[in-house]
N, C-alpha and C. Protein backbone atom coordinates (compact mmCIF):
# COMPACT_ATOMS: atom_id res chain seq x y z
N MET A 1 4.26 18.75 -36.59
CA MET A 1 4.10 19.45 -35.33
C MET A 1 3.33 18.55 -34.36
N PRO A 2 3.82 18.38 -33.12
CA PRO A 2 3.13 17.50 -32.17
C PRO A 2 1.77 18.05 -31.77
N LEU A 3 0.87 17.13 -31.48
CA LEU A 3 -0.47 17.52 -31.05
C LEU A 3 -0.51 17.96 -29.59
N ARG A 4 0.48 17.51 -28.80
CA ARG A 4 0.52 17.84 -27.37
C ARG A 4 1.89 18.41 -27.01
N ASP A 5 1.89 19.29 -26.03
CA ASP A 5 3.15 19.81 -25.52
C ASP A 5 3.79 18.86 -24.52
N GLU A 6 2.96 18.09 -23.81
CA GLU A 6 3.44 17.17 -22.80
C GLU A 6 2.94 15.77 -23.12
N PRO A 7 3.67 14.74 -22.64
CA PRO A 7 3.18 13.38 -22.87
C PRO A 7 1.86 13.16 -22.13
N PRO A 8 1.01 12.28 -22.64
CA PRO A 8 -0.27 12.03 -21.97
C PRO A 8 -0.05 11.33 -20.63
N ASP A 9 -1.04 11.45 -19.77
CA ASP A 9 -1.05 10.74 -18.51
C ASP A 9 -1.48 9.31 -18.83
N TYR A 10 -0.55 8.37 -18.84
CA TYR A 10 -0.83 7.02 -19.33
C TYR A 10 -1.81 6.25 -18.46
N LEU A 11 -1.77 6.49 -17.15
CA LEU A 11 -2.71 5.83 -16.26
C LEU A 11 -3.73 6.85 -15.81
N LYS A 12 -4.89 6.78 -16.38
CA LYS A 12 -5.94 7.75 -16.03
C LYS A 12 -6.42 7.50 -14.61
N ARG A 13 -6.73 8.56 -13.91
CA ARG A 13 -7.21 8.48 -12.54
C ARG A 13 -8.69 8.84 -12.49
N LEU A 14 -9.33 8.32 -11.45
CA LEU A 14 -10.68 8.75 -11.15
C LEU A 14 -10.61 10.17 -10.60
N SER A 15 -11.74 10.81 -10.44
CA SER A 15 -11.73 12.15 -9.85
C SER A 15 -11.22 12.07 -8.42
N ASP A 16 -10.70 13.19 -7.92
CA ASP A 16 -10.07 13.23 -6.59
C ASP A 16 -10.95 12.69 -5.48
N SER A 17 -12.26 12.87 -5.60
CA SER A 17 -13.17 12.44 -4.52
C SER A 17 -13.10 10.94 -4.25
N TRP A 18 -12.73 10.14 -5.23
CA TRP A 18 -12.63 8.69 -5.06
C TRP A 18 -11.50 8.29 -4.11
N TYR A 19 -10.54 9.18 -3.91
CA TYR A 19 -9.35 8.88 -3.11
C TYR A 19 -9.40 9.53 -1.73
N ARG A 20 -10.48 10.21 -1.42
CA ARG A 20 -10.59 10.95 -0.16
C ARG A 20 -11.52 10.26 0.83
N GLY A 21 -11.37 10.67 2.08
CA GLY A 21 -12.23 10.14 3.13
C GLY A 21 -11.96 8.67 3.40
N ARG A 22 -13.02 7.90 3.44
CA ARG A 22 -12.90 6.47 3.76
C ARG A 22 -12.68 5.61 2.51
N ALA A 23 -11.91 6.10 1.57
CA ALA A 23 -11.59 5.32 0.36
C ALA A 23 -10.70 4.14 0.73
N TRP A 24 -10.87 3.05 0.00
CA TRP A 24 -10.02 1.87 0.14
C TRP A 24 -9.37 1.67 -1.22
N VAL A 25 -8.03 1.75 -1.26
CA VAL A 25 -7.32 1.73 -2.53
C VAL A 25 -6.16 0.74 -2.49
N HIS A 26 -6.11 -0.09 -3.54
CA HIS A 26 -4.99 -1.02 -3.74
C HIS A 26 -4.00 -0.33 -4.68
N TRP A 27 -2.84 0.02 -4.15
CA TRP A 27 -1.77 0.67 -4.91
C TRP A 27 -0.73 -0.36 -5.31
N THR A 28 -0.30 -0.32 -6.56
CA THR A 28 0.81 -1.14 -7.03
C THR A 28 1.89 -0.18 -7.53
N MET A 29 3.07 -0.29 -6.95
CA MET A 29 4.18 0.58 -7.31
C MET A 29 5.31 -0.29 -7.84
N THR A 30 5.73 0.01 -9.04
CA THR A 30 6.73 -0.81 -9.74
C THR A 30 8.06 -0.08 -9.79
N ILE A 31 9.13 -0.83 -9.63
CA ILE A 31 10.48 -0.28 -9.75
C ILE A 31 10.76 -0.03 -11.23
N LYS A 32 11.31 1.13 -11.53
CA LYS A 32 11.60 1.51 -12.91
C LYS A 32 12.47 0.45 -13.58
N GLY A 33 12.03 0.03 -14.76
CA GLY A 33 12.74 -1.00 -15.50
C GLY A 33 12.68 -2.38 -14.87
N ARG A 34 11.77 -2.53 -13.90
CA ARG A 34 11.63 -3.81 -13.16
C ARG A 34 12.96 -4.24 -12.53
N LYS A 35 13.77 -3.24 -12.18
CA LYS A 35 15.08 -3.50 -11.58
C LYS A 35 14.93 -4.22 -10.25
N THR A 36 15.81 -5.15 -9.98
CA THR A 36 15.82 -5.88 -8.72
C THR A 36 17.12 -5.56 -7.97
N GLY A 37 17.29 -6.15 -6.79
CA GLY A 37 18.50 -5.97 -6.02
C GLY A 37 18.39 -4.95 -4.90
N TRP A 38 17.28 -4.25 -4.82
CA TRP A 38 17.10 -3.22 -3.80
C TRP A 38 16.46 -3.76 -2.53
N LEU A 39 15.77 -4.89 -2.63
CA LEU A 39 14.97 -5.41 -1.51
C LEU A 39 15.82 -6.28 -0.59
N ASP A 40 15.93 -5.83 0.66
CA ASP A 40 16.56 -6.61 1.71
C ASP A 40 15.88 -6.22 3.03
N THR A 41 16.32 -6.81 4.11
CA THR A 41 15.69 -6.56 5.41
C THR A 41 15.75 -5.08 5.79
N ARG A 42 16.87 -4.44 5.55
CA ARG A 42 16.99 -3.02 5.91
C ARG A 42 15.99 -2.17 5.13
N MET A 43 15.88 -2.39 3.81
CA MET A 43 14.93 -1.62 3.01
C MET A 43 13.50 -1.89 3.47
N HIS A 44 13.20 -3.15 3.79
CA HIS A 44 11.87 -3.47 4.28
C HIS A 44 11.56 -2.67 5.54
N LEU A 45 12.49 -2.66 6.48
CA LEU A 45 12.25 -1.94 7.73
C LEU A 45 12.16 -0.43 7.52
N GLN A 46 12.98 0.12 6.63
CA GLN A 46 12.91 1.55 6.32
C GLN A 46 11.56 1.89 5.67
N MET A 47 11.12 1.05 4.74
CA MET A 47 9.84 1.29 4.08
C MET A 47 8.71 1.18 5.10
N ARG A 48 8.80 0.23 6.00
CA ARG A 48 7.77 0.04 7.03
C ARG A 48 7.70 1.27 7.95
N GLU A 49 8.86 1.80 8.33
CA GLU A 49 8.88 3.01 9.15
C GLU A 49 8.23 4.17 8.38
N LEU A 50 8.59 4.32 7.12
CA LEU A 50 7.99 5.37 6.30
C LEU A 50 6.48 5.19 6.21
N LEU A 51 6.03 3.97 6.03
CA LEU A 51 4.60 3.68 5.94
C LEU A 51 3.89 4.05 7.24
N GLY A 52 4.55 3.87 8.37
CA GLY A 52 3.98 4.29 9.65
C GLY A 52 3.79 5.80 9.71
N HIS A 53 4.77 6.55 9.19
CA HIS A 53 4.64 8.01 9.15
C HIS A 53 3.51 8.44 8.22
N VAL A 54 3.42 7.79 7.07
CA VAL A 54 2.35 8.11 6.12
C VAL A 54 0.99 7.83 6.76
N SER A 55 0.88 6.71 7.44
CA SER A 55 -0.38 6.35 8.09
C SER A 55 -0.81 7.39 9.11
N ALA A 56 0.12 7.81 9.96
CA ALA A 56 -0.21 8.80 10.99
C ALA A 56 -0.49 10.17 10.38
N ARG A 57 0.33 10.57 9.44
CA ARG A 57 0.21 11.91 8.85
C ARG A 57 -1.03 12.08 7.99
N HIS A 58 -1.43 11.00 7.30
CA HIS A 58 -2.51 11.10 6.32
C HIS A 58 -3.78 10.36 6.72
N SER A 59 -3.88 9.95 7.97
CA SER A 59 -5.10 9.35 8.50
C SER A 59 -5.55 8.14 7.69
N LEU A 60 -4.64 7.18 7.57
CA LEU A 60 -4.98 5.94 6.87
C LEU A 60 -4.26 4.78 7.52
N SER A 61 -4.64 3.59 7.15
CA SER A 61 -3.92 2.40 7.59
C SER A 61 -3.64 1.55 6.37
N CYS A 62 -2.65 0.70 6.50
CA CYS A 62 -2.28 -0.23 5.43
C CYS A 62 -2.66 -1.63 5.91
N ALA A 63 -3.77 -2.12 5.39
CA ALA A 63 -4.24 -3.45 5.81
C ALA A 63 -3.27 -4.54 5.39
N MET A 64 -2.63 -4.35 4.23
CA MET A 64 -1.69 -5.35 3.74
C MET A 64 -0.71 -4.67 2.80
N TYR A 65 0.56 -5.03 2.95
CA TYR A 65 1.56 -4.64 1.96
C TYR A 65 2.41 -5.85 1.66
N CYS A 66 2.99 -5.87 0.47
CA CYS A 66 3.90 -6.93 0.09
C CYS A 66 4.94 -6.35 -0.85
N LEU A 67 6.21 -6.42 -0.44
CA LEU A 67 7.31 -5.97 -1.28
C LEU A 67 7.82 -7.17 -2.07
N MET A 68 7.83 -7.04 -3.37
CA MET A 68 8.34 -8.07 -4.27
C MET A 68 9.68 -7.58 -4.83
N PRO A 69 10.46 -8.44 -5.47
CA PRO A 69 11.77 -8.00 -5.96
C PRO A 69 11.73 -6.82 -6.94
N ASP A 70 10.63 -6.65 -7.69
CA ASP A 70 10.58 -5.56 -8.68
C ASP A 70 9.34 -4.68 -8.58
N HIS A 71 8.51 -4.88 -7.57
CA HIS A 71 7.32 -4.06 -7.37
C HIS A 71 6.81 -4.25 -5.94
N ALA A 72 5.75 -3.49 -5.60
CA ALA A 72 5.17 -3.60 -4.26
C ALA A 72 3.68 -3.33 -4.33
N HIS A 73 2.95 -3.94 -3.41
CA HIS A 73 1.50 -3.75 -3.28
C HIS A 73 1.19 -3.17 -1.91
N PHE A 74 0.22 -2.25 -1.88
CA PHE A 74 -0.23 -1.64 -0.63
C PHE A 74 -1.75 -1.51 -0.70
N LEU A 75 -2.45 -1.95 0.33
CA LEU A 75 -3.90 -1.77 0.40
C LEU A 75 -4.18 -0.80 1.55
N TRP A 76 -4.53 0.42 1.17
CA TRP A 76 -4.72 1.50 2.13
C TRP A 76 -6.19 1.76 2.37
N LEU A 77 -6.53 2.06 3.63
CA LEU A 77 -7.89 2.40 4.04
C LEU A 77 -7.88 3.76 4.70
N GLY A 78 -8.66 4.69 4.16
CA GLY A 78 -8.78 6.01 4.77
C GLY A 78 -9.65 5.95 6.01
N HIS A 79 -9.26 6.74 7.03
CA HIS A 79 -10.00 6.74 8.29
C HIS A 79 -11.09 7.79 8.38
N GLY A 80 -11.08 8.77 7.52
CA GLY A 80 -12.10 9.82 7.62
C GLY A 80 -11.82 10.98 6.70
N ASP A 81 -12.49 12.08 6.98
CA ASP A 81 -12.44 13.26 6.11
C ASP A 81 -11.02 13.75 5.83
N GLY A 82 -10.12 13.61 6.78
CA GLY A 82 -8.77 14.13 6.62
C GLY A 82 -7.87 13.32 5.71
N CYS A 83 -8.36 12.22 5.19
CA CYS A 83 -7.51 11.36 4.36
C CYS A 83 -7.66 11.72 2.88
N ASP A 84 -6.53 11.89 2.21
CA ASP A 84 -6.46 12.06 0.77
C ASP A 84 -5.34 11.14 0.28
N GLN A 85 -5.73 10.00 -0.26
CA GLN A 85 -4.74 9.00 -0.61
C GLN A 85 -3.82 9.41 -1.76
N ARG A 86 -4.29 10.23 -2.65
CA ARG A 86 -3.39 10.68 -3.72
C ARG A 86 -2.26 11.53 -3.13
N THR A 87 -2.59 12.39 -2.19
CA THR A 87 -1.56 13.18 -1.51
C THR A 87 -0.65 12.27 -0.69
N ALA A 88 -1.24 11.30 0.00
CA ALA A 88 -0.45 10.34 0.78
C ALA A 88 0.50 9.55 -0.11
N ALA A 89 0.01 9.09 -1.25
CA ALA A 89 0.84 8.31 -2.18
C ALA A 89 1.99 9.16 -2.72
N LYS A 90 1.71 10.41 -3.02
CA LYS A 90 2.76 11.31 -3.52
C LYS A 90 3.84 11.49 -2.45
N PHE A 91 3.44 11.72 -1.19
CA PHE A 91 4.38 11.86 -0.08
C PHE A 91 5.19 10.57 0.09
N PHE A 92 4.49 9.44 0.12
CA PHE A 92 5.14 8.14 0.30
C PHE A 92 6.15 7.87 -0.82
N ARG A 93 5.73 8.07 -2.07
CA ARG A 93 6.60 7.80 -3.21
C ARG A 93 7.84 8.70 -3.20
N ARG A 94 7.70 9.96 -2.84
CA ARG A 94 8.85 10.88 -2.80
C ARG A 94 9.90 10.37 -1.80
N HIS A 95 9.42 10.01 -0.61
CA HIS A 95 10.36 9.56 0.42
C HIS A 95 10.89 8.15 0.16
N TRP A 96 10.06 7.29 -0.42
CA TRP A 96 10.57 5.95 -0.74
C TRP A 96 11.59 6.04 -1.87
N ASN A 97 11.37 6.91 -2.82
CA ASN A 97 12.35 7.10 -3.89
C ASN A 97 13.70 7.57 -3.34
N GLU A 98 13.69 8.39 -2.29
CA GLU A 98 14.95 8.79 -1.66
C GLU A 98 15.68 7.58 -1.10
N LEU A 99 14.93 6.66 -0.47
CA LEU A 99 15.55 5.43 0.04
C LEU A 99 16.05 4.55 -1.10
N LEU A 100 15.24 4.41 -2.13
CA LEU A 100 15.62 3.57 -3.28
C LEU A 100 16.84 4.12 -4.02
N ALA A 101 16.98 5.44 -4.06
CA ALA A 101 18.11 6.05 -4.77
C ALA A 101 19.44 5.58 -4.19
N SER A 102 19.48 5.32 -2.89
CA SER A 102 20.72 4.83 -2.27
C SER A 102 21.08 3.43 -2.76
N ARG A 103 20.12 2.76 -3.41
CA ARG A 103 20.34 1.42 -3.97
C ARG A 103 20.42 1.46 -5.49
N GLY A 104 20.42 2.66 -6.05
CA GLY A 104 20.48 2.79 -7.50
C GLY A 104 19.18 2.44 -8.19
N SER A 105 18.08 2.57 -7.47
CA SER A 105 16.76 2.24 -8.02
C SER A 105 15.83 3.43 -7.84
N GLU A 106 14.70 3.38 -8.54
CA GLU A 106 13.64 4.37 -8.37
C GLU A 106 12.33 3.76 -8.84
N LEU A 107 11.25 4.38 -8.42
CA LEU A 107 9.92 3.92 -8.82
C LEU A 107 9.60 4.38 -10.24
N GLN A 108 8.77 3.60 -10.94
CA GLN A 108 8.22 4.07 -12.20
C GLN A 108 7.54 5.40 -11.96
N ARG A 109 7.35 6.17 -13.02
CA ARG A 109 6.78 7.51 -12.91
C ARG A 109 5.43 7.52 -12.22
N GLN A 110 4.62 6.51 -12.43
CA GLN A 110 3.26 6.54 -11.92
C GLN A 110 2.89 5.19 -11.32
N ALA A 111 2.17 5.25 -10.20
CA ALA A 111 1.67 4.03 -9.57
C ALA A 111 0.36 3.63 -10.24
N TYR A 112 0.05 2.35 -10.16
CA TYR A 112 -1.25 1.85 -10.60
C TYR A 112 -2.12 1.78 -9.35
N ASP A 113 -3.39 2.13 -9.49
CA ASP A 113 -4.28 2.02 -8.34
C ASP A 113 -5.61 1.39 -8.75
N HIS A 114 -6.22 0.77 -7.78
CA HIS A 114 -7.57 0.22 -7.95
C HIS A 114 -8.37 0.62 -6.71
N VAL A 115 -9.37 1.48 -6.90
CA VAL A 115 -10.25 1.88 -5.80
C VAL A 115 -11.29 0.78 -5.63
N LEU A 116 -11.36 0.24 -4.42
CA LEU A 116 -12.30 -0.85 -4.17
C LEU A 116 -13.73 -0.31 -4.19
N ASP A 117 -14.60 -1.02 -4.89
CA ASP A 117 -16.01 -0.63 -4.92
C ASP A 117 -16.75 -1.33 -3.78
N GLU A 118 -18.02 -1.04 -3.66
CA GLU A 118 -18.81 -1.58 -2.54
C GLU A 118 -18.75 -3.10 -2.46
N SER A 119 -18.78 -3.79 -3.59
CA SER A 119 -18.76 -5.26 -3.57
C SER A 119 -17.43 -5.80 -3.05
N GLU A 120 -16.37 -5.00 -3.10
CA GLU A 120 -15.05 -5.42 -2.64
C GLU A 120 -14.76 -4.98 -1.21
N ARG A 121 -15.71 -4.25 -0.61
CA ARG A 121 -15.49 -3.69 0.71
C ARG A 121 -16.13 -4.51 1.84
N ASN A 122 -16.86 -5.57 1.52
CA ASN A 122 -17.37 -6.41 2.60
C ASN A 122 -16.19 -7.20 3.16
N PRO A 123 -16.24 -7.59 4.43
CA PRO A 123 -15.06 -8.23 5.04
C PRO A 123 -14.53 -9.44 4.28
N ASP A 124 -15.38 -10.32 3.78
CA ASP A 124 -14.87 -11.51 3.08
C ASP A 124 -14.13 -11.15 1.80
N ALA A 125 -14.72 -10.30 0.98
CA ALA A 125 -14.08 -9.90 -0.28
C ALA A 125 -12.80 -9.11 0.00
N PHE A 126 -12.84 -8.25 1.01
CA PHE A 126 -11.66 -7.46 1.37
C PHE A 126 -10.51 -8.36 1.83
N GLU A 127 -10.83 -9.32 2.68
CA GLU A 127 -9.81 -10.24 3.16
C GLU A 127 -9.25 -11.08 2.02
N ASP A 128 -10.09 -11.43 1.04
CA ASP A 128 -9.60 -12.13 -0.16
C ASP A 128 -8.60 -11.28 -0.93
N THR A 129 -8.87 -9.99 -1.04
CA THR A 129 -7.94 -9.08 -1.72
C THR A 129 -6.62 -9.02 -0.97
N CYS A 130 -6.69 -8.94 0.35
CA CYS A 130 -5.46 -8.93 1.15
C CYS A 130 -4.67 -10.22 0.96
N LEU A 131 -5.36 -11.35 0.95
CA LEU A 131 -4.65 -12.62 0.74
C LEU A 131 -4.07 -12.72 -0.67
N TYR A 132 -4.76 -12.15 -1.64
CA TYR A 132 -4.20 -12.10 -2.99
C TYR A 132 -2.86 -11.36 -2.99
N ILE A 133 -2.83 -10.22 -2.27
CA ILE A 133 -1.59 -9.45 -2.17
C ILE A 133 -0.53 -10.28 -1.44
N ALA A 134 -0.89 -10.86 -0.30
CA ALA A 134 0.07 -11.62 0.51
C ALA A 134 0.62 -12.84 -0.22
N ARG A 135 -0.17 -13.43 -1.09
CA ARG A 135 0.27 -14.65 -1.79
C ARG A 135 1.13 -14.37 -3.03
N ASN A 136 1.42 -13.13 -3.33
CA ASN A 136 2.27 -12.81 -4.47
C ASN A 136 3.60 -13.56 -4.46
N PRO A 137 4.33 -13.60 -3.35
CA PRO A 137 5.61 -14.32 -3.34
C PRO A 137 5.44 -15.83 -3.56
N GLN A 138 4.34 -16.36 -3.07
CA GLN A 138 4.05 -17.78 -3.24
C GLN A 138 3.75 -18.07 -4.71
N ARG A 139 2.89 -17.25 -5.33
CA ARG A 139 2.58 -17.43 -6.75
C ARG A 139 3.82 -17.25 -7.62
N GLY A 140 4.73 -16.35 -7.17
CA GLY A 140 5.95 -16.10 -7.93
C GLY A 140 7.04 -17.14 -7.70
N GLY A 141 6.76 -18.15 -6.89
CA GLY A 141 7.73 -19.21 -6.65
C GLY A 141 8.88 -18.81 -5.73
N LEU A 142 8.72 -17.73 -4.98
CA LEU A 142 9.79 -17.27 -4.09
C LEU A 142 9.77 -17.97 -2.73
N VAL A 143 8.59 -18.46 -2.32
CA VAL A 143 8.42 -19.19 -1.07
C VAL A 143 7.34 -20.26 -1.28
N ALA A 144 7.35 -21.27 -0.45
CA ALA A 144 6.33 -22.33 -0.54
C ALA A 144 5.01 -21.86 0.07
N ASP A 145 5.08 -21.00 1.09
CA ASP A 145 3.90 -20.48 1.77
C ASP A 145 4.10 -19.00 2.00
N TRP A 146 3.09 -18.19 1.75
CA TRP A 146 3.22 -16.74 1.85
C TRP A 146 3.68 -16.26 3.21
N ARG A 147 3.37 -17.03 4.26
CA ARG A 147 3.75 -16.63 5.62
C ARG A 147 5.26 -16.64 5.82
N GLU A 148 5.99 -17.28 4.92
CA GLU A 148 7.46 -17.33 4.99
C GLU A 148 8.11 -16.05 4.45
N TRP A 149 7.36 -15.26 3.69
CA TRP A 149 7.93 -14.07 3.06
C TRP A 149 8.07 -12.96 4.10
N GLU A 150 9.29 -12.51 4.31
CA GLU A 150 9.56 -11.50 5.34
C GLU A 150 8.95 -10.14 5.00
N ALA A 151 8.98 -9.75 3.74
CA ALA A 151 8.65 -8.38 3.35
C ALA A 151 7.17 -8.18 3.06
N LEU A 152 6.34 -8.55 4.03
CA LEU A 152 4.92 -8.26 3.94
C LEU A 152 4.39 -8.04 5.33
N GLY A 153 3.25 -7.38 5.40
CA GLY A 153 2.68 -7.11 6.71
C GLY A 153 1.52 -6.15 6.64
N SER A 154 1.23 -5.57 7.79
CA SER A 154 0.15 -4.62 7.95
C SER A 154 0.68 -3.48 8.82
N VAL A 155 0.32 -2.23 8.48
CA VAL A 155 0.79 -1.09 9.26
C VAL A 155 -0.38 -0.20 9.63
N VAL A 156 -0.60 -0.07 10.92
CA VAL A 156 -1.55 0.88 11.47
C VAL A 156 -0.79 1.63 12.55
N ALA A 157 -0.71 2.95 12.43
CA ALA A 157 0.05 3.75 13.38
C ALA A 157 -0.41 3.44 14.81
N GLY A 158 0.56 3.14 15.67
CA GLY A 158 0.26 2.84 17.06
C GLY A 158 0.14 1.35 17.36
N TYR A 159 0.25 0.49 16.34
CA TYR A 159 0.10 -0.96 16.52
C TYR A 159 1.25 -1.70 15.83
N PRO A 160 2.47 -1.60 16.37
CA PRO A 160 3.63 -2.19 15.70
C PRO A 160 3.63 -3.71 15.64
N ASP A 161 2.84 -4.36 16.47
CA ASP A 161 2.84 -5.82 16.49
C ASP A 161 1.70 -6.44 15.67
N LEU A 162 0.99 -5.64 14.92
CA LEU A 162 -0.10 -6.15 14.08
C LEU A 162 0.51 -6.93 12.92
N ASP A 163 0.22 -8.22 12.82
CA ASP A 163 0.87 -9.08 11.83
C ASP A 163 -0.16 -10.04 11.23
N PRO A 164 -0.34 -10.02 9.91
CA PRO A 164 -1.34 -10.89 9.27
C PRO A 164 -1.02 -12.38 9.36
N ARG A 165 0.18 -12.71 9.79
CA ARG A 165 0.56 -14.13 9.94
C ARG A 165 0.05 -14.72 11.26
N VAL A 166 -0.35 -13.86 12.18
CA VAL A 166 -0.75 -14.28 13.52
C VAL A 166 -2.23 -14.61 13.55
N GLU A 167 -2.57 -15.71 14.20
CA GLU A 167 -3.97 -16.10 14.35
C GLU A 167 -4.73 -15.00 15.08
N GLY A 168 -5.93 -14.72 14.61
CA GLY A 168 -6.75 -13.68 15.20
C GLY A 168 -6.51 -12.30 14.60
N PHE A 169 -5.65 -12.23 13.58
CA PHE A 169 -5.32 -10.93 12.96
C PHE A 169 -6.56 -10.18 12.51
N TRP A 170 -7.47 -10.86 11.79
CA TRP A 170 -8.60 -10.13 11.20
C TRP A 170 -9.53 -9.54 12.25
N GLY A 171 -9.80 -10.27 13.31
CA GLY A 171 -10.63 -9.72 14.38
C GLY A 171 -10.00 -8.48 14.99
N ARG A 172 -8.71 -8.55 15.24
CA ARG A 172 -7.99 -7.41 15.81
C ARG A 172 -7.95 -6.25 14.82
N PHE A 173 -7.66 -6.55 13.55
CA PHE A 173 -7.59 -5.50 12.54
C PHE A 173 -8.90 -4.74 12.44
N TRP A 174 -10.02 -5.47 12.33
CA TRP A 174 -11.32 -4.79 12.18
C TRP A 174 -11.69 -3.98 13.41
N THR A 175 -11.33 -4.47 14.60
CA THR A 175 -11.59 -3.71 15.83
C THR A 175 -10.83 -2.38 15.80
N ILE A 176 -9.55 -2.44 15.44
CA ILE A 176 -8.73 -1.23 15.36
C ILE A 176 -9.26 -0.30 14.27
N HIS A 177 -9.55 -0.85 13.11
CA HIS A 177 -10.04 -0.03 11.99
C HIS A 177 -11.35 0.68 12.37
N ASN A 178 -12.28 -0.05 12.95
CA ASN A 178 -13.56 0.56 13.34
C ASN A 178 -13.36 1.66 14.39
N ARG A 179 -12.46 1.45 15.32
CA ARG A 179 -12.16 2.46 16.34
C ARG A 179 -11.56 3.71 15.68
N GLU A 180 -10.61 3.52 14.75
CA GLU A 180 -9.97 4.66 14.07
C GLU A 180 -10.96 5.44 13.23
N THR A 181 -11.82 4.75 12.48
CA THR A 181 -12.76 5.47 11.61
C THR A 181 -13.83 6.18 12.43
N SER A 182 -14.26 5.60 13.54
CA SER A 182 -15.27 6.29 14.36
C SER A 182 -14.66 7.51 15.06
N ARG A 183 -13.39 7.43 15.39
CA ARG A 183 -12.70 8.54 16.04
C ARG A 183 -12.45 9.70 15.07
N LYS A 184 -12.19 9.39 13.79
CA LYS A 184 -11.85 10.42 12.81
C LYS A 184 -13.06 11.02 12.10
N GLY A 185 -14.22 10.38 12.20
CA GLY A 185 -15.41 10.89 11.52
C GLY A 185 -15.38 10.60 10.03
N ALA A 186 -16.49 10.86 9.37
CA ALA A 186 -16.54 10.60 7.93
C ALA A 186 -17.22 11.71 7.21
């Protein structure tokens, strides 16, 4: 006789409070079976549009995202009390799975997340984490320089031209982020 009625939750989560408010979370979402063939310019643009809706609806911004052939990384920053990243991730995954289904793909059952602690939230450490995400295609041998990879960027609702490849990105990003968090409260 089995000890459990349901399979265990393989990726344990922190308590809900870690994902709310001004939480900073690195989400990794993997395509089921590491299937490839779904990533192209159209899917990138559709995912980017969806990410814009998630950002506006759930009071967060995506400092960096990178779509790889079999997985994706997203670094989300909550703007204030109204942000719940677990709810945002659930919304995002449901709608992205609808897009992926048209390509015969779907996300693994559960995303991996890493909530950034205080030592990872200072600007230098945070920017290093963003560059780690951006350099995934370079480390994977897909491009010689990460700036050549089309399927990466930054999404903050209301700022469609925000691009980490452009000089001055970090100064502009932090100005926007500080304005959004002060406007939304904590």
